[in-house]
């Protein structure tokens, strides 16, 4: 596994954790839009979306790198 790919995975993981933390703050500690009872569902859905986007982005750049 190349160093570039490891950095991509670490960056995607760190961004996912940061975004998860911000979403948790937004929905659990604040009562925005009266949605605190749905916070864990929204948190899981957005976290899954972030993971899918990160995986697809890494796969795109891996395919682009392999085609050279």
PDB file of N, CA and C in Angstrom:
ATOM      1  N   UNK A   1       0.855  -1.181   0.000  1.00  0.00           N
ATOM      2  CA  UNK A   1       0.000   0.000   0.000  1.00  0.00           C
ATOM      3  C   UNK A   1       0.897   1.239   0.000  1.00  0.00           C
ATOM      4  N   UNK A   2       0.643   2.120  -0.923  1.00  0.00           N
ATOM      5  CA  UNK A   2       1.494   3.300  -1.033  1.00  0.00           C
ATOM      6  C   UNK A   2       1.203   4.309   0.074  1.00  0.00           C
ATOM      7  N   UNK A   3       2.171   5.158   0.314  1.00  0.00           N
ATOM      8  CA  UNK A   3       2.024   6.192   1.343  1.00  0.00           C
ATOM      9  C   UNK A   3       0.884   7.137   0.992  1.00  0.00           C
ATOM     10  N   UNK A   4       0.745   7.435  -0.295  1.00  0.00           N
ATOM     11  CA  UNK A   4      -0.319   8.331  -0.750  1.00  0.00           C
ATOM     12  C   UNK A   4      -1.694   7.767  -0.390  1.00  0.00           C
ATOM     13  N   UNK A   5      -1.873   6.476  -0.580  1.00  0.00           N
ATOM     14  CA  UNK A   5      -3.153   5.832  -0.282  1.00  0.00           C
ATOM     15  C   UNK A   5      -3.425   5.816   1.220  1.00  0.00           C
ATOM     16  N   UNK A   6      -2.392   5.568   2.026  1.00  0.00           N
ATOM     17  CA  UNK A   6      -2.553   5.582   3.483  1.00  0.00           C
ATOM     18  C   UNK A   6      -2.964   6.970   3.955  1.00  0.00           C
ATOM     19  N   UNK A   7      -2.341   8.007   3.389  1.00  0.00           N
ATOM     20  CA  UNK A   7      -2.705   9.387   3.748  1.00  0.00           C
ATOM     21  C   UNK A   7      -4.153   9.663   3.367  1.00  0.00           C
ATOM     22  N   UNK A   8      -4.594   9.171   2.218  1.00  0.00           N
ATOM     23  CA  UNK A   8      -5.992   9.352   1.811  1.00  0.00           C
ATOM     24  C   UNK A   8      -6.938   8.713   2.819  1.00  0.00           C
ATOM     25  N   UNK A   9      -6.650   7.487   3.234  1.00  0.00           N
ATOM     26  CA  UNK A   9      -7.513   6.804   4.197  1.00  0.00           C
ATOM     27  C   UNK A   9      -7.533   7.526   5.536  1.00  0.00           C
ATOM     28  N   UNK A  10      -6.367   7.967   6.004  1.00  0.00           N
ATOM     29  CA  UNK A  10      -6.308   8.701   7.273  1.00  0.00           C
ATOM     30  C   UNK A  10      -7.087  10.007   7.191  1.00  0.00           C
ATOM     31  N   UNK A  11      -6.941  10.731   6.092  1.00  0.00           N
ATOM     32  CA  UNK A  11      -7.660  11.989   5.918  1.00  0.00           C
ATOM     33  C   UNK A  11      -9.170  11.755   5.917  1.00  0.00           C
ATOM     34  N   UNK A  12      -9.620  10.738   5.199  1.00  0.00           N
ATOM     35  CA  UNK A  12     -11.054  10.434   5.152  1.00  0.00           C
ATOM     36  C   UNK A  12     -11.575  10.055   6.531  1.00  0.00           C
ATOM     37  N   UNK A  13     -10.797   9.285   7.284  1.00  0.00           N
ATOM     38  CA  UNK A  13     -11.209   8.885   8.628  1.00  0.00           C
ATOM     39  C   UNK A  13     -11.288  10.081   9.562  1.00  0.00           C
ATOM     40  N   UNK A  14     -10.272  10.936   9.531  1.00  0.00           N
ATOM     41  CA  UNK A  14     -10.256  12.118  10.399  1.00  0.00           C
ATOM     42  C   UNK A  14     -11.412  13.049  10.062  1.00  0.00           C
ATOM     43  N   UNK A  15     -11.665  13.275   8.783  1.00  0.00           N
ATOM     44  CA  UNK A  15     -12.775  14.152   8.392  1.00  0.00           C
ATOM     45  C   UNK A  15     -14.118  13.560   8.820  1.00  0.00           C
ATOM     46  N   UNK A  16     -14.242  12.240   8.744  1.00  0.00           N
ATOM     47  CA  UNK A  16     -15.472  11.589   9.178  1.00  0.00           C
ATOM     48  C   UNK A  16     -15.698  11.784  10.671  1.00  0.00           C
ATOM     49  N   UNK A  17     -14.640  11.632  11.474  1.00  0.00           N
ATOM     50  CA  UNK A  17     -14.769  11.832  12.916  1.00  0.00           C
ATOM     51  C   UNK A  17     -15.107  13.279  13.258  1.00  0.00           C
ATOM     52  N   UNK A  18     -14.449  14.223  12.592  1.00  0.00           N
ATOM     53  CA  UNK A  18     -14.717  15.645  12.859  1.00  0.00           C
ATOM     54  C   UNK A  18     -16.159  15.979  12.512  1.00  0.00           C
ATOM     55  N   UNK A  19     -16.607  15.523  11.349  1.00  0.00           N
ATOM     56  CA  UNK A  19     -17.983  15.799  10.942  1.00  0.00           C
ATOM     57  C   UNK A  19     -18.977  15.132  11.881  1.00  0.00           C
ATOM     58  N   UNK A  20     -18.680  13.907  12.307  1.00  0.00           N
ATOM     59  CA  UNK A  20     -19.559  13.216  13.253  1.00  0.00           C
ATOM     60  C   UNK A  20     -19.672  13.987  14.558  1.00  0.00           C
ATOM     61  N   UNK A  21     -18.545  14.498  15.029  1.00  0.00           N
ATOM     62  CA  UNK A  21     -18.552  15.262  16.275  1.00  0.00           C
ATOM     63  C   UNK A  21     -19.385  16.535  16.127  1.00  0.00           C
ATOM     64  N   UNK A  22     -19.225  17.230  15.013  1.00  0.00           N
ATOM     65  CA  UNK A  22     -19.991  18.463  14.789  1.00  0.00           C
ATOM     66  C   UNK A  22     -21.485  18.177  14.675  1.00  0.00           C
ATOM     67  N   UNK A  23     -21.831  17.074  14.003  1.00  0.00           N
ATOM     68  CA  UNK A  23     -23.244  16.704  13.892  1.00  0.00           C
ATOM     69  C   UNK A  23     -23.806  16.357  15.266  1.00  0.00           C
ATOM     70  N   UNK A  24     -23.003  15.652  16.071  1.00  0.00           N
ATOM     71  CA  UNK A  24     -23.441  15.313  17.427  1.00  0.00           C
ATOM     72  C   UNK A  24     -23.696  16.571  18.237  1.00  0.00           C
ATOM     73  N   UNK A  25     -22.790  17.540  18.141  1.00  0.00           N
ATOM     74  CA  UNK A  25     -22.995  18.807  18.850  1.00  0.00           C
ATOM     75  C   UNK A  25     -24.261  19.503  18.372  1.00  0.00           C
ATOM     76  N   UNK A  26     -24.455  19.507  17.067  1.00  0.00           N
ATOM     77  CA  UNK A  26     -25.591  20.224  16.493  1.00  0.00           C
ATOM     78  C   UNK A  26     -26.920  19.629  16.933  1.00  0.00           C
ATOM     79  N   UNK A  27     -27.043  18.308  16.872  1.00  0.00           N
ATOM     80  CA  UNK A  27     -28.340  17.697  17.114  1.00  0.00           C
ATOM     81  C   UNK A  27     -28.579  17.260  18.554  1.00  0.00           C
ATOM     82  N   UNK A  28     -27.531  16.919  19.303  1.00  0.00           N
ATOM     83  CA  UNK A  28     -27.752  16.409  20.655  1.00  0.00           C
ATOM     84  C   UNK A  28     -27.671  17.488  21.717  1.00  0.00           C
ATOM     85  N   UNK A  29     -26.727  18.409  21.586  1.00  0.00           N
ATOM     86  CA  UNK A  29     -26.534  19.404  22.631  1.00  0.00           C
ATOM     87  C   UNK A  29     -27.337  20.676  22.385  1.00  0.00           C
ATOM     88  N   UNK A  30     -27.819  20.833  21.188  1.00  0.00           N
ATOM     89  CA  UNK A  30     -28.668  21.977  20.863  1.00  0.00           C
ATOM     90  C   UNK A  30     -30.029  21.429  20.433  1.00  0.00           C
ATOM     91  N   UNK A  31     -31.040  22.217  20.592  1.00  0.00           N
ATOM     92  CA  UNK A  31     -32.375  21.758  20.206  1.00  0.00           C
ATOM     93  C   UNK A  31     -32.789  22.418  18.893  1.00  0.00           C
ATOM     94  N   UNK A  32     -31.891  22.351  17.892  1.00  0.00           N
ATOM     95  CA  UNK A  32     -32.224  22.918  16.593  1.00  0.00           C
ATOM     96  C   UNK A  32     -33.358  22.126  15.965  1.00  0.00           C
ATOM     97  N   UNK A  33     -34.336  22.807  15.499  1.00  0.00           N
ATOM     98  CA  UNK A  33     -35.469  22.248  14.759  1.00  0.00           C
ATOM     99  C   UNK A  33     -36.214  21.176  15.544  1.00  0.00           C
ATOM    100  N   UNK A  34     -36.038  21.090  16.849  1.00  0.00           N
ATOM    101  CA  UNK A  34     -36.727  20.099  17.663  1.00  0.00           C
ATOM    102  C   UNK A  34     -36.422  18.676  17.260  1.00  0.00           C
ATOM    103  N   UNK A  35     -35.186  18.408  16.854  1.00  0.00           N
ATOM    104  CA  UNK A  35     -34.856  17.102  16.280  1.00  0.00           C
ATOM    105  C   UNK A  35     -33.973  16.263  17.187  1.00  0.00           C
ATOM    106  N   UNK A  36     -33.841  16.593  18.478  1.00  0.00           N
ATOM    107  CA  UNK A  36     -32.897  15.833  19.300  1.00  0.00           C
ATOM    108  C   UNK A  36     -33.297  14.374  19.463  1.00  0.00           C
ATOM    109  N   UNK A  37     -34.610  14.065  19.351  1.00  0.00           N
ATOM    110  CA  UNK A  37     -35.018  12.663  19.488  1.00  0.00           C
ATOM    111  C   UNK A  37     -34.618  11.836  18.263  1.00  0.00           C
ATOM    112  N   UNK A  38     -34.340  12.515  17.143  1.00  0.00           N
ATOM    113  CA  UNK A  38     -33.923  11.815  15.925  1.00  0.00           C
ATOM    114  C   UNK A  38     -32.418  11.930  15.697  1.00  0.00           C
ATOM    115  N   UNK A  39     -31.691  12.437  16.687  1.00  0.00           N
ATOM    116  CA  UNK A  39     -30.276  12.754  16.483  1.00  0.00           C
ATOM    117  C   UNK A  39     -29.450  11.531  16.111  1.00  0.00           C
ATOM    118  N   UNK A  40     -29.666  10.399  16.777  1.00  0.00           N
ATOM    119  CA  UNK A  40     -28.826   9.233  16.491  1.00  0.00           C
ATOM    120  C   UNK A  40     -29.094   8.691  15.092  1.00  0.00           C
ATOM    121  N   UNK A  41     -30.340   8.742  14.640  1.00  0.00           N
ATOM    122  CA  UNK A  41     -30.662   8.274  13.291  1.00  0.00           C
ATOM    123  C   UNK A  41     -30.041   9.183  12.245  1.00  0.00           C
ATOM    124  N   UNK A  42     -30.187  10.483  12.437  1.00  0.00           N
ATOM    125  CA  UNK A  42     -29.611  11.448  11.497  1.00  0.00           C
ATOM    126  C   UNK A  42     -28.089  11.326  11.504  1.00  0.00           C
ATOM    127  N   UNK A  43     -27.516  11.177  12.692  1.00  0.00           N
ATOM    128  CA  UNK A  43     -26.068  11.041  12.836  1.00  0.00           C
ATOM    129  C   UNK A  43     -25.568   9.817  12.084  1.00  0.00           C
ATOM    130  N   UNK A  44     -26.242   8.693  12.239  1.00  0.00           N
ATOM    131  CA  UNK A  44     -25.833   7.463  11.555  1.00  0.00           C
ATOM    132  C   UNK A  44     -25.964   7.602  10.043  1.00  0.00           C
ATOM    133  N   UNK A  45     -27.048   8.224   9.594  1.00  0.00           N
ATOM    134  CA  UNK A  45     -27.265   8.381   8.156  1.00  0.00           C
ATOM    135  C   UNK A  45     -26.199   9.275   7.526  1.00  0.00           C
ATOM    136  N   UNK A  46     -25.908  10.393   8.165  1.00  0.00           N
ATOM    137  CA  UNK A  46     -24.912  11.311   7.612  1.00  0.00           C
ATOM    138  C   UNK A  46     -23.522  10.694   7.694  1.00  0.00           C
ATOM    139  N   UNK A  47     -23.234   9.980   8.766  1.00  0.00           N
ATOM    140  CA  UNK A  47     -21.932   9.327   8.890  1.00  0.00           C
ATOM    141  C   UNK A  47     -21.756   8.263   7.806  1.00  0.00           C
ATOM    142  N   UNK A  48     -22.807   7.517   7.505  1.00  0.00           N
ATOM    143  CA  UNK A  48     -22.747   6.525   6.433  1.00  0.00           C
ATOM    144  C   UNK A  48     -22.514   7.198   5.088  1.00  0.00           C
ATOM    145  N   UNK A  49     -23.189   8.316   4.866  1.00  0.00           N
ATOM    146  CA  UNK A  49     -23.015   9.061   3.621  1.00  0.00           C
ATOM    147  C   UNK A  49     -21.576   9.546   3.476  1.00  0.00           C
ATOM    148  N   UNK A  50     -21.001  10.056   4.562  1.00  0.00           N
ATOM    149  CA  UNK A  50     -19.612  10.521   4.532  1.00  0.00           C
ATOM    150  C   UNK A  50     -18.675   9.362   4.212  1.00  0.00           C
ATOM    151  N   UNK A  51     -18.919   8.206   4.828  1.00  0.00           N
ATOM    152  CA  UNK A  51     -18.071   7.036   4.569  1.00  0.00           C
ATOM    153  C   UNK A  51     -18.164   6.600   3.111  1.00  0.00           C
ATOM    154  N   UNK A  52     -19.369   6.594   2.560  1.00  0.00           N
ATOM    155  CA  UNK A  52     -19.551   6.202   1.161  1.00  0.00           C
ATOM    156  C   UNK A  52     -18.831   7.176   0.237  1.00  0.00           C
ATOM    157  N   UNK A  53     -18.973   8.475   0.495  1.00  0.00           N
ATOM    158  CA  UNK A  53     -18.308   9.479  -0.336  1.00  0.00           C
ATOM    159  C   UNK A  53     -16.790   9.326  -0.241  1.00  0.00           C
ATOM    160  N   UNK A  54     -16.277   9.103   0.977  1.00  0.00           N
ATOM    161  CA  UNK A  54     -14.828   8.942   1.148  1.00  0.00           C
ATOM    162  C   UNK A  54     -14.324   7.712   0.401  1.00  0.00           C
ATOM    163  N   UNK A  55     -15.040   6.599   0.516  1.00  0.00           N
ATOM    164  CA  UNK A  55     -14.621   5.365  -0.154  1.00  0.00           C
ATOM    165  C   UNK A  55     -14.665   5.532  -1.668  1.00  0.00           C
ATOM    166  N   UNK A  56     -15.730   6.154  -2.180  1.00  0.00           N
ATOM    167  CA  UNK A  56     -15.837   6.345  -3.626  1.00  0.00           C
ATOM    168  C   UNK A  56     -14.768   7.304  -4.142  1.00  0.00           C
ATOM    169  N   UNK A  57     -14.454   8.336  -3.362  1.00  0.00           N
ATOM    170  CA  UNK A  57     -13.410   9.278  -3.770  1.00  0.00           C
ATOM    171  C   UNK A  57     -12.060   8.580  -3.837  1.00  0.00           C
ATOM    172  N   UNK A  58     -11.755   7.788  -2.816  1.00  0.00           N
ATOM    173  CA  UNK A  58     -10.484   7.059  -2.804  1.00  0.00           C
ATOM    174  C   UNK A  58     -10.435   6.062  -3.962  1.00  0.00           C
ATOM    175  N   UNK A  59     -11.533   5.362  -4.212  1.00  0.00           N
ATOM    176  CA  UNK A  59     -11.575   4.401  -5.316  1.00  0.00           C
ATOM    177  C   UNK A  59     -11.378   5.107  -6.655  1.00  0.00           C
ATOM    178  N   UNK A  60     -11.969   6.290  -6.815  1.00  0.00           N
ATOM    179  CA  UNK A  60     -11.813   7.053  -8.056  1.00  0.00           C
ATOM    180  C   UNK A  60     -10.348   7.398  -8.292  1.00  0.00           C
ATOM    181  N   UNK A  61      -9.682   7.917  -7.250  1.00  0.00           N
ATOM    182  CA  UNK A  61      -8.287   8.300  -7.416  1.00  0.00           C
ATOM    183  C   UNK A  61      -7.382   7.082  -7.568  1.00  0.00           C
ATOM    184  N   UNK A  62      -7.735   5.966  -6.941  1.00  0.00           N
ATOM    185  CA  UNK A  62      -6.962   4.737  -7.133  1.00  0.00           C
ATOM    186  C   UNK A  62      -7.063   4.261  -8.576  1.00  0.00           C
ATOM    187  N   UNK A  63      -8.276   4.284  -9.130  1.00  0.00           N
ATOM    188  CA  UNK A  63      -8.462   3.872 -10.522  1.00  0.00           C
ATOM    189  C   UNK A  63      -7.735   4.818 -11.467  1.00  0.00           C
ATOM    190  N   UNK A  64      -7.769   6.099 -11.150  1.00  0.00           N
ATOM    191  CA  UNK A  64      -7.088   7.094 -11.973  1.00  0.00           C
ATOM    192  C   UNK A  64      -5.574   6.865 -11.929  1.00  0.00           C
ATOM    193  N   UNK A  65      -5.068   6.520 -10.733  1.00  0.00           N
ATOM    194  CA  UNK A  65      -3.637   6.266 -10.559  1.00  0.00           C
ATOM    195  C   UNK A  65      -3.230   4.978 -11.270  1.00  0.00           C
ATOM    196  N   UNK A  66      -4.083   3.955 -11.222  1.00  0.00           N
ATOM    197  CA  UNK A  66      -3.767   2.671 -11.852  1.00  0.00           C
ATOM    198  C   UNK A  66      -3.794   2.757 -13.373  1.00  0.00           C
ATOM    199  N   UNK A  67      -4.594   3.663 -13.924  1.00  0.00           N
ATOM    200  CA  UNK A  67      -4.730   3.743 -15.374  1.00  0.00           C
ATOM    201  C   UNK A  67      -3.551   4.452 -16.037  1.00  0.00           C
ATOM    202  N   UNK A  68      -2.676   5.052 -15.239  1.00  0.00           N
ATOM    203  CA  UNK A  68      -1.517   5.755 -15.825  1.00  0.00           C
ATOM    204  C   UNK A  68      -0.505   4.776 -16.367  1.00  0.00           C
TER     205      UNK A  68
END
